[in-house]
Protein backbone atom coordinates (compact mmCIF):
# COMPACT_ATOMS: atom_id res chain seq x y z
CA MET A 1 8.96 44.82 96.12
CA SER A 2 12.74 45.05 95.84
CA GLU A 3 14.59 44.58 92.56
CA THR A 4 15.85 41.18 93.72
CA ALA A 5 12.95 38.86 94.51
CA ALA A 6 11.81 35.26 94.39
CA GLU A 7 8.34 35.01 92.87
CA LEU A 8 6.47 32.13 94.44
CA GLY A 9 3.55 31.18 92.14
CA THR A 10 0.44 29.30 93.26
CA GLN A 11 -1.71 26.62 91.67
CA LYS A 12 -4.41 24.21 92.78
CA ASN A 13 -3.15 21.01 94.26
CA GLN A 14 -5.31 18.30 92.71
CA ALA A 15 -4.09 15.67 95.18
CA ALA A 16 -4.96 17.78 98.22
CA THR A 17 -8.32 18.31 99.92
CA GLY A 18 -9.38 20.91 97.37
CA ASP A 19 -7.99 23.87 99.25
CA LYS A 20 -5.72 26.19 97.28
CA ALA A 21 -2.09 25.21 97.89
CA GLN A 22 0.88 27.40 97.19
CA LEU A 23 3.67 25.58 95.37
CA LEU A 24 7.14 26.74 94.48
CA GLU A 25 7.02 27.08 90.69
CA SER A 26 10.13 29.13 89.96
CA ILE A 27 12.75 31.32 91.52
CA ALA A 28 13.78 34.19 89.27
CA MET A 29 16.74 36.19 90.46
CA ALA A 30 16.80 39.50 88.63
CA ARG A 31 19.29 41.84 90.22
CA GLU A 32 19.43 45.17 88.45
CA THR A 33 22.71 46.92 87.95
CA LEU A 34 23.33 50.32 89.50
CA THR A 35 22.60 53.41 87.49
CA ALA A 36 25.46 55.68 86.45
CA GLU A 37 24.23 58.22 89.01
CA GLU A 38 24.29 55.64 91.83
CA MET A 39 27.79 54.48 90.89
CA ALA A 40 28.98 58.09 90.83
CA ALA A 41 27.51 58.70 94.28
CA ILE A 42 29.38 55.70 95.69
CA ARG A 43 32.65 56.61 93.95
CA VAL A 44 32.64 60.22 95.15
CA ARG A 45 32.02 59.21 98.74
CA ASP A 46 34.50 56.34 98.68
CA GLU A 47 37.26 58.57 97.30
CA LEU A 48 36.49 61.28 99.84
CA ILE A 49 36.71 58.85 102.77
CA ASP A 50 39.97 57.44 101.39
CA ARG A 51 41.46 60.94 101.23
CA TRP A 52 40.34 61.81 104.76
CA GLY A 53 41.84 58.55 106.01
CA LEU A 54 45.19 58.95 104.25
CA ASP A 55 45.51 62.56 105.43
CA THR A 56 44.67 61.62 109.02
CA ILE A 57 47.07 58.66 109.09
CA SER A 58 49.80 60.91 107.65
CA LEU A 59 49.19 63.39 110.47
CA PHE A 60 49.32 60.58 112.99
CA ASN A 61 52.59 59.21 111.68
CA SER A 62 54.33 62.60 111.63
CA SER A 63 52.93 63.95 114.91
CA VAL A 64 52.58 60.87 117.12
CA ALA A 65 54.20 57.67 115.85
CA ASP A 66 57.55 59.30 115.08
CA ASN A 67 57.82 61.30 118.31
CA ARG A 68 56.87 59.20 121.36
CA GLU A 69 55.69 55.91 122.74
CA PRO A 70 51.95 55.46 122.09
CA ASN A 71 49.54 55.81 125.00
CA PRO A 72 46.08 54.15 125.23
CA ALA A 73 44.41 57.02 123.36
CA ASP A 74 46.96 56.72 120.54
CA ILE A 75 46.29 52.99 120.26
CA LEU A 76 42.53 53.59 120.19
CA CYS A 77 42.86 56.25 117.49
CA ILE A 78 45.12 54.38 115.08
CA THR A 79 43.24 51.08 115.38
CA THR A 80 39.92 52.90 114.89
CA LEU A 81 41.31 54.61 111.78
CA THR A 82 42.41 51.39 110.17
CA VAL A 83 39.56 49.07 111.19
CA CYS A 84 36.75 51.53 110.48
CA SER A 85 38.30 52.38 107.11
CA THR A 86 38.26 48.66 106.26
CA TYR A 87 34.60 48.35 107.27
CA CYS A 88 33.76 51.40 105.20
CA LYS A 89 35.52 49.96 102.14
CA ALA A 90 33.50 46.75 102.55
CA ILE A 91 30.27 48.79 102.76
CA MET A 92 31.04 50.59 99.51
CA LEU A 93 31.86 47.30 97.74
CA LEU A 94 28.56 45.81 98.91
CA LEU A 95 26.66 48.88 97.74
CA ALA A 96 28.40 48.72 94.35
CA SER A 97 27.00 45.18 94.08
CA ARG A 98 23.56 46.45 95.17
CA LEU A 99 23.70 44.34 98.34
CA ARG A 100 22.08 46.93 100.52
CA MET A 101 20.95 44.92 103.54
CA PRO A 102 24.41 43.41 104.27
CA ALA A 103 25.86 46.91 103.82
CA GLN A 104 23.29 48.17 106.31
CA ALA A 105 24.48 45.58 108.87
CA LEU A 106 28.07 46.83 108.60
CA LEU A 107 26.85 50.43 108.82
CA ARG A 108 25.18 49.58 112.13
CA VAL A 109 28.53 48.33 113.48
CA LEU A 110 30.33 51.39 112.11
CA PHE A 111 27.86 53.81 113.71
CA GLU A 112 28.14 52.13 117.10
CA VAL A 113 31.95 52.15 117.09
CA SER A 114 32.16 55.76 115.89
CA THR A 115 29.82 56.84 118.69
CA LYS A 116 31.85 55.03 121.36
CA VAL A 117 35.10 56.51 120.05
CA LEU A 118 33.55 59.96 120.06
CA TRP A 119 32.38 59.42 123.64
CA CYS A 120 35.90 58.42 124.71
CA LEU A 121 37.56 61.42 123.03
CA HIS A 122 34.82 63.96 123.74
CA LYS A 123 36.26 65.04 127.12
CA PRO A 124 33.21 66.82 128.56
CA GLY A 125 33.15 68.62 131.88
CA PRO A 126 35.92 70.48 133.73
CA ASP A 127 38.56 67.78 133.22
CA LYS A 128 39.52 67.93 129.55
CA SER A 129 42.94 66.35 130.09
CA ASP A 130 44.34 63.25 128.45
CA SER A 131 43.82 61.41 131.75
CA ALA A 132 40.06 61.90 131.38
CA VAL A 133 40.22 60.32 127.93
CA GLU A 134 42.24 57.37 129.23
CA GLU A 135 39.72 56.86 132.03
CA ARG A 136 36.92 56.62 129.46
CA ILE A 137 38.93 54.13 127.45
CA GLN A 138 39.31 52.08 130.63
CA ARG A 139 35.57 52.28 131.19
CA TRP A 140 35.04 50.90 127.67
CA ARG A 141 37.51 48.12 128.38
CA LYS A 142 35.74 47.25 131.62
CA ALA A 143 32.36 47.13 129.86
CA SER A 144 33.85 44.87 127.16
CA LEU A 145 35.23 42.52 129.81
CA GLY A 146 31.82 42.39 131.47
CA GLU A 147 30.09 41.52 128.20
CA GLY A 148 32.65 38.81 127.44
CA ILE A 149 32.27 37.33 130.91
CA LYS A 150 28.48 37.22 130.55
CA LEU A 151 28.68 35.47 127.18
CA SER A 152 31.16 32.94 128.56
CA ARG A 153 28.96 32.33 131.63
CA ASP A 154 26.01 31.61 129.31
CA TYR A 155 28.13 29.26 127.20
CA SER A 156 29.85 27.37 130.01
CA PRO A 157 26.92 25.06 131.05
CA ILE A 158 26.76 23.40 127.64
CA LEU A 159 30.43 22.36 127.78
CA THR A 160 31.75 19.26 129.49
CA GLY A 161 35.05 17.93 130.78
CA GLN A 162 38.31 19.76 130.28
CA ARG A 163 36.85 22.40 127.94
CA ARG A 164 34.47 23.55 130.66
CA VAL A 165 37.23 23.59 133.29
CA GLU A 166 39.44 25.72 131.03
CA LEU A 167 36.63 28.16 130.20
CA GLU A 168 35.68 28.62 133.85
CA GLN A 169 39.32 29.30 134.72
CA GLU A 170 39.43 31.88 131.96
CA ILE A 171 36.25 33.49 133.31
CA ARG A 172 37.75 33.77 136.79
CA GLU A 173 40.88 35.43 135.40
CA TYR A 174 38.82 37.98 133.48
CA GLU A 175 36.64 38.65 136.52
CA GLU A 176 39.75 39.35 138.58
CA LEU A 177 41.02 41.71 135.91
CA ARG A 178 37.66 43.50 135.74
CA ASP A 179 37.39 43.79 139.53
CA ARG A 180 40.83 45.38 139.78
CA MET A 181 39.63 48.24 137.57
CA GLU A 182 38.35 50.97 139.88
CA CYS A 183 36.39 52.90 137.23
CA GLU A 184 32.75 52.46 136.33
CA PRO A 185 32.00 50.59 133.10
CA MET A 186 31.02 52.49 129.98
CA PRO A 187 27.36 53.55 130.14
CA ARG A 188 24.64 51.93 128.07
CA PHE A 189 24.55 53.08 124.48
CA ILE A 190 21.36 55.09 124.92
CA ASP A 191 22.82 56.83 128.00
CA MET A 192 25.95 57.60 126.03
CA LEU A 193 23.82 59.39 123.44
CA ARG A 194 22.20 61.43 126.22
CA GLU A 195 25.66 62.49 127.41
CA LEU A 196 26.69 63.50 123.90
CA GLY A 197 23.49 65.55 123.53
CA ASN A 198 22.02 66.65 120.24
CA PRO A 199 22.09 65.78 117.40
CA TRP A 200 23.03 62.33 118.71
CA ARG A 201 20.09 61.88 121.03
CA GLU A 202 17.24 63.15 118.84
CA GLU A 203 18.61 62.87 115.30
CA PHE A 204 21.26 60.16 115.11
CA TYR A 205 19.55 57.41 117.11
CA PRO A 206 16.03 57.42 115.60
CA ARG A 207 17.04 58.36 112.03
CA ALA A 208 20.06 56.12 111.56
CA TYR A 209 21.10 53.72 114.32
CA ARG A 210 17.65 52.37 115.18
CA ARG A 211 16.75 51.91 111.52
CA LEU A 212 19.87 49.82 110.93
CA ASN A 213 19.10 47.27 113.67
CA ASN A 214 16.90 45.05 111.50
CA ALA A 215 19.84 44.21 109.25
CA VAL A 216 21.85 42.93 112.22
CA HIS A 217 19.15 41.21 114.29
CA LEU A 218 17.44 38.92 111.77
CA ASP A 219 14.51 37.68 113.84
CA PHE A 220 11.13 36.22 112.88
CA GLY A 221 9.57 39.62 112.33
CA SER A 222 12.32 41.00 110.11
CA LEU A 223 12.45 37.82 108.02
CA CYS A 224 8.69 37.53 107.54
CA GLY A 225 8.56 41.21 106.68
CA LYS A 226 10.35 40.28 103.45
CA ALA A 227 7.31 38.34 102.20
CA LYS A 228 4.21 39.86 100.63
CA ASP A 229 1.10 37.85 99.73
CA ASP A 230 -1.45 39.42 97.38
CA GLY A 231 -3.73 36.37 97.44
CA SER A 232 -2.32 34.67 94.36
CA THR A 233 1.41 35.27 94.54
CA VAL A 234 3.89 35.45 97.39
CA SER A 235 6.77 37.80 96.66
CA VAL A 236 9.90 37.30 98.76
CA THR A 237 12.56 39.99 98.68
CA ASN A 238 16.09 39.48 99.97
CA ASP A 239 17.05 43.14 100.27
CA ILE A 240 15.77 46.55 101.32
CA ASP A 241 14.46 49.49 99.32
CA GLU A 242 16.73 52.12 100.90
CA PRO A 243 18.40 54.18 98.15
CA VAL A 244 22.06 53.34 97.61
CA ARG A 245 22.98 57.03 97.81
CA ASN A 246 21.49 57.28 101.32
CA LEU A 247 23.45 54.29 102.60
CA ALA A 248 26.68 55.59 101.08
CA GLN A 249 26.02 58.92 102.80
CA TYR A 250 25.53 57.16 106.15
CA ALA A 251 29.05 55.77 105.73
CA VAL A 252 30.40 59.26 105.08
CA VAL A 253 28.65 60.62 108.18
CA SER A 254 30.09 57.87 110.37
CA MET A 255 33.64 58.31 109.06
CA HIS A 256 33.36 62.10 109.37
CA VAL A 257 32.60 61.52 113.05
CA VAL A 258 35.59 59.17 113.44
CA PHE A 259 38.11 61.36 111.64
CA GLY A 260 36.75 64.53 113.23
CA ALA A 261 36.92 63.14 116.77
CA ILE A 262 40.48 61.94 116.28
CA ARG A 263 41.66 65.20 114.70
CA LEU A 264 40.08 67.31 117.42
CA HIS A 265 41.66 65.10 120.08
CA TYR A 266 45.12 65.93 118.70
CA ARG A 267 44.15 69.53 117.82
CA TRP A 268 44.68 68.91 114.13
CA PRO A 269 42.74 71.02 111.61
CA VAL A 270 39.26 69.89 110.58
CA GLU A 271 38.13 72.89 108.51
CA GLU A 272 38.96 71.41 105.10
CA MET A 273 37.32 68.13 105.99
CA ASN A 274 34.18 69.95 107.13
CA ILE A 275 34.04 71.91 103.88
CA ASP A 276 34.33 68.64 101.93
CA PHE A 277 31.52 67.14 103.98
CA LYS A 278 29.15 70.03 103.36
CA SER A 279 29.86 70.07 99.62
CA ILE A 280 29.02 66.42 98.93
CA PRO A 281 26.50 66.32 96.06
């Protein structure tokens, strides 16, 4: 059972048919504070990510922003830097409050985005030019348009009147935009991992990404899995038992991927960052 739990006691219901009935007697919230070791693990990783981010943004400003008009790859890199850094900061704040399952949900988003950015900047095959990167960014954009169109198509039938007319007009405009794009859409996530090869295919997906899904997709199974019945007491936990240090390290891994992919794209040094990564206690 997790440190934070609601203990549901049971007693006999005299007014019932004689069968044992479980009644809600009390809800005791008892969140434990983090240990000094856990807080230190979060602080070290948070400070390291902050330093990587500041150094990378400084390189971007001096090498790109001050010298030319940004291209699609530049836009992708700087927005990824800022948005992913914000997500990572939120993850560390949640972990510092011992809210591990919500932190796990944000980690799942962070891992997916970092993988897609890596795929766009990876430049495999004979064409390692910037045009190949921009084509992959276009493929991501086309896939995003397709997903948005599908969601809007599913939503449209429940609307009526002018709202439905406006949404269907919007759908047609996005379909025209998508159809004008000659590239293929971005591949499925699992196919993307196959393209990236190991360790993404055999290590990253089963050990990290797949394990994080339950925190995002709260279905019947994942919710009921939080309850344990020993015959006399039902214990309901609202969190997971994953060590805080492990979750903080997942954030470091994801941001190392983001910063590393961006630095390699611009041929900026990564050696110091890699040494930092390997020396994390």
